[in-house]
Amino acid sequence: MPKQPRMPNMQQMLKQVEKMQRDIQVAQESLKDEVVERSAGGGMVKVEISGDLVLRSVTIDPQAVDPDDVEMLGDMVLAAVNEALKAAQELQSERMERATGGLGGPGGPLGGGGPLGGLGLPGL
């Protein structure tokens, strides 16, 4: 006769989920105070973006302003912003990974394809 899977302690599991939710909230709040900076054009254009993806500043070296080539300045701004966004998203991912104890993964913030996937619950 096959062994029945042991049911997890629901109270303990709920406490773990509540702690994880608090940790996620703390991580999200702290991301507002963390800033990544990226540049383009050899540092002629610099941007700062917070961990919660708010553009904080754009600094343009006056030498980057060429009235005959405004398109290049636009390209440098775009490149710096995209690099900073990528870095901020990586920062977010790292902080959420810490907050969820490594349960992050494909299919949702806790992995496994559902909101509780990855917690080891039968059928999830």
C-alpha atoms as a PDB file:
ATOM      1  CA  MET A   1       0.000   0.000   0.000  1.00  0.00           C
ATOM      2  CA  PRO A   2       1.561   3.352  -1.050  1.00  0.00           C
ATOM      3  CA  LYS A   3       2.367   5.901   1.626  1.00  0.00           C
ATOM      4  CA  GLN A   4       0.028   8.855   1.868  1.00  0.00           C
ATOM      5  CA  PRO A   5       1.817  12.173   1.442  1.00  0.00           C
ATOM      6  CA  ARG A   6       2.257  13.910   4.759  1.00  0.00           C
ATOM      7  CA  MET A   7       0.200  17.092   4.965  1.00  0.00           C
ATOM      8  CA  PRO A   8       2.201  20.160   5.931  1.00  0.00           C
ATOM      9  CA  ASN A   9       1.467  21.999   9.147  1.00  0.00           C
ATOM     10  CA  MET A  10      -0.883  24.707   7.852  1.00  0.00           C
ATOM     11  CA  GLN A  11      -0.342  27.032  10.809  1.00  0.00           C
ATOM     12  CA  GLN A  12       3.409  26.911  10.382  1.00  0.00           C
ATOM     13  CA  MET A  13       3.056  27.404   6.643  1.00  0.00           C
ATOM     14  CA  LEU A  14       0.797  30.437   7.124  1.00  0.00           C
ATOM     15  CA  LYS A  15       3.359  31.975   9.497  1.00  0.00           C
ATOM     16  CA  GLN A  16       6.055  31.443   6.870  1.00  0.00           C
ATOM     17  CA  VAL A  17       3.891  33.062   4.185  1.00  0.00           C
ATOM     18  CA  GLU A  18       3.122  36.027   6.449  1.00  0.00           C
ATOM     19  CA  LYS A  19       6.826  36.480   7.215  1.00  0.00           C
ATOM     20  CA  MET A  20       7.630  36.287   3.515  1.00  0.00           C
ATOM     21  CA  GLN A  21       4.978  38.926   2.767  1.00  0.00           C
ATOM     22  CA  ARG A  22       6.515  41.231   5.401  1.00  0.00           C
ATOM     23  CA  ASP A  23       9.996  40.605   3.995  1.00  0.00           C
ATOM     24  CA  ILE A  24       8.774  41.399   0.483  1.00  0.00           C
ATOM     25  CA  GLN A  25       7.147  44.614   1.678  1.00  0.00           C
ATOM     26  CA  VAL A  26      10.350  45.674   3.460  1.00  0.00           C
ATOM     27  CA  ALA A  27      12.388  44.862   0.343  1.00  0.00           C
ATOM     28  CA  GLN A  28      10.023  46.884  -1.852  1.00  0.00           C
ATOM     29  CA  GLU A  29      10.218  49.858   0.495  1.00  0.00           C
ATOM     30  CA  SER A  30      14.020  49.720   0.656  1.00  0.00           C
ATOM     31  CA  LEU A  31      14.233  49.675  -3.151  1.00  0.00           C
ATOM     32  CA  LYS A  32      12.879  53.230  -3.178  1.00  0.00           C
ATOM     33  CA  ASP A  33      16.061  54.384  -1.444  1.00  0.00           C
ATOM     34  CA  GLU A  34      18.530  52.461  -3.585  1.00  0.00           C
ATOM     35  CA  VAL A  35      19.767  54.110  -6.755  1.00  0.00           C
ATOM     36  CA  VAL A  36      21.680  52.735  -9.710  1.00  0.00           C
ATOM     37  CA  GLU A  37      23.622  54.991 -12.059  1.00  0.00           C
ATOM     38  CA  ARG A  38      24.564  54.222 -15.612  1.00  0.00           C
ATOM     39  CA  SER A  39      26.167  56.315 -18.326  1.00  0.00           C
ATOM     40  CA  ALA A  40      26.635  56.412 -22.060  1.00  0.00           C
ATOM     41  CA  GLY A  41      28.914  58.229 -24.456  1.00  0.00           C
ATOM     42  CA  GLY A  42      31.936  57.821 -22.231  1.00  0.00           C
ATOM     43  CA  GLY A  43      30.120  59.378 -19.291  1.00  0.00           C
ATOM     44  CA  MET A  44      28.692  62.307 -21.231  1.00  0.00           C
ATOM     45  CA  VAL A  45      25.168  61.238 -20.299  1.00  0.00           C
ATOM     46  CA  LYS A  46      24.443  59.852 -16.837  1.00  0.00           C
ATOM     47  CA  VAL A  47      21.134  58.686 -15.426  1.00  0.00           C
ATOM     48  CA  GLU A  48      20.065  57.555 -11.986  1.00  0.00           C
ATOM     49  CA  ILE A  49      17.109  55.241 -11.435  1.00  0.00           C
ATOM     50  CA  SER A  50      15.818  54.063  -8.085  1.00  0.00           C
ATOM     51  CA  GLY A  51      15.242  50.414  -7.297  1.00  0.00           C
ATOM     52  CA  ASP A  52      11.506  50.981  -7.671  1.00  0.00           C
ATOM     53  CA  LEU A  53      12.119  52.137 -11.271  1.00  0.00           C
ATOM     54  CA  VAL A  54      11.735  55.891 -10.796  1.00  0.00           C
ATOM     55  CA  LEU A  55      14.031  58.002 -12.964  1.00  0.00           C
ATOM     56  CA  ARG A  56      15.782  60.254 -10.445  1.00  0.00           C
ATOM     57  CA  SER A  57      18.142  62.294 -12.596  1.00  0.00           C
ATOM     58  CA  VAL A  58      19.584  62.813 -16.048  1.00  0.00           C
ATOM     59  CA  THR A  59      22.907  64.644 -16.321  1.00  0.00           C
ATOM     60  CA  ILE A  60      24.189  65.743 -19.716  1.00  0.00           C
ATOM     61  CA  ASP A  61      27.704  67.044 -20.193  1.00  0.00           C
ATOM     62  CA  PRO A  62      27.486  70.298 -22.193  1.00  0.00           C
ATOM     63  CA  GLN A  63      30.039  68.867 -24.644  1.00  0.00           C
ATOM     64  CA  ALA A  64      27.453  66.204 -25.578  1.00  0.00           C
ATOM     65  CA  VAL A  65      25.137  68.884 -26.949  1.00  0.00           C
ATOM     66  CA  ASP A  66      25.820  69.252 -30.657  1.00  0.00           C
ATOM     67  CA  PRO A  67      23.050  71.188 -32.417  1.00  0.00           C
ATOM     68  CA  ASP A  68      24.047  69.474 -35.661  1.00  0.00           C
ATOM     69  CA  ASP A  69      23.678  65.994 -34.173  1.00  0.00           C
ATOM     70  CA  VAL A  70      20.801  66.016 -31.697  1.00  0.00           C
ATOM     71  CA  GLU A  71      20.019  62.437 -32.695  1.00  0.00           C
ATOM     72  CA  MET A  72      23.271  61.194 -31.145  1.00  0.00           C
ATOM     73  CA  LEU A  73      22.413  62.894 -27.852  1.00  0.00           C
ATOM     74  CA  GLY A  74      19.011  61.211 -27.906  1.00  0.00           C
ATOM     75  CA  ASP A  75      20.683  57.861 -28.555  1.00  0.00           C
ATOM     76  CA  MET A  76      23.051  58.366 -25.610  1.00  0.00           C
ATOM     77  CA  VAL A  77      20.167  59.276 -23.285  1.00  0.00           C
ATOM     78  CA  LEU A  78      18.214  56.243 -24.466  1.00  0.00           C
ATOM     79  CA  ALA A  79      21.204  53.937 -23.981  1.00  0.00           C
ATOM     80  CA  ALA A  80      21.931  55.242 -20.479  1.00  0.00           C
ATOM     81  CA  VAL A  81      18.278  54.983 -19.409  1.00  0.00           C
ATOM     82  CA  ASN A  82      17.940  51.451 -20.756  1.00  0.00           C
ATOM     83  CA  GLU A  83      21.125  50.320 -19.014  1.00  0.00           C
ATOM     84  CA  ALA A  84      19.995  51.895 -15.738  1.00  0.00           C
ATOM     85  CA  LEU A  85      16.558  50.280 -16.036  1.00  0.00           C
ATOM     86  CA  LYS A  86      18.174  46.905 -16.600  1.00  0.00           C
ATOM     87  CA  ALA A  87      20.406  47.382 -13.549  1.00  0.00           C
ATOM     88  CA  ALA A  88      17.450  48.503 -11.405  1.00  0.00           C
ATOM     89  CA  GLN A  89      15.415  45.477 -12.497  1.00  0.00           C
ATOM     90  CA  GLU A  90      18.328  43.199 -11.603  1.00  0.00           C
ATOM     91  CA  LEU A  91      18.494  44.908  -8.204  1.00  0.00           C
ATOM     92  CA  GLN A  92      14.752  44.315  -7.737  1.00  0.00           C
ATOM     93  CA  SER A  93      15.115  40.677  -8.696  1.00  0.00           C
ATOM     94  CA  GLU A  94      18.005  40.211  -6.267  1.00  0.00           C
ATOM     95  CA  ARG A  95      16.085  41.820  -3.383  1.00  0.00           C
ATOM     96  CA  MET A  96      12.923  39.809  -4.069  1.00  0.00           C
ATOM     97  CA  GLU A  97      14.982  36.615  -4.276  1.00  0.00           C
ATOM     98  CA  ARG A  98      16.350  37.375  -0.806  1.00  0.00           C
ATOM     99  CA  ALA A  99      12.898  38.255   0.554  1.00  0.00           C
ATOM    100  CA  THR A 100      11.295  35.062  -0.749  1.00  0.00           C
ATOM    101  CA  GLY A 101      14.125  32.848   0.412  1.00  0.00           C
ATOM    102  CA  GLY A 102      14.888  31.675  -3.093  1.00  0.00           C
ATOM    103  CA  LEU A 103      11.326  30.683  -3.924  1.00  0.00           C
ATOM    104  CA  GLY A 104      11.253  33.054  -6.902  1.00  0.00           C
ATOM    105  CA  GLY A 105      11.198  31.434 -10.280  1.00  0.00           C
ATOM    106  CA  PRO A 106       9.309  31.030 -13.519  1.00  0.00           C
ATOM    107  CA  GLY A 107       5.542  31.143 -13.416  1.00  0.00           C
ATOM    108  CA  GLY A 108       5.132  33.576 -10.568  1.00  0.00           C
ATOM    109  CA  PRO A 109       6.893  35.273  -7.712  1.00  0.00           C
ATOM    110  CA  LEU A 110       7.137  32.010  -5.797  1.00  0.00           C
ATOM    111  CA  GLY A 111       7.753  29.743  -8.777  1.00  0.00           C
ATOM    112  CA  GLY A 112       5.881  26.594  -9.685  1.00  0.00           C
ATOM    113  CA  GLY A 113       3.340  28.361 -11.880  1.00  0.00           C
ATOM    114  CA  GLY A 114       0.983  29.528  -9.149  1.00  0.00           C
ATOM    115  CA  PRO A 115       0.878  31.915  -6.241  1.00  0.00           C
ATOM    116  CA  LEU A 116       1.916  29.174  -3.800  1.00  0.00           C
ATOM    117  CA  GLY A 117       4.002  27.068  -6.130  1.00  0.00           C
ATOM    118  CA  GLY A 118       7.406  26.141  -4.812  1.00  0.00           C
ATOM    119  CA  LEU A 119       6.150  25.793  -1.226  1.00  0.00           C
ATOM    120  CA  GLY A 120       5.977  22.021  -1.560  1.00  0.00           C
ATOM    121  CA  LEU A 121       2.211  21.788  -1.290  1.00  0.00           C
ATOM    122  CA  PRO A 122       0.637  18.793  -3.029  1.00  0.00           C
ATOM    123  CA  GLY A 123      -1.030  19.782  -6.284  1.00  0.00           C
ATOM    124  CA  LEU A 124       0.514  23.243  -6.474  1.00  0.00           C
END
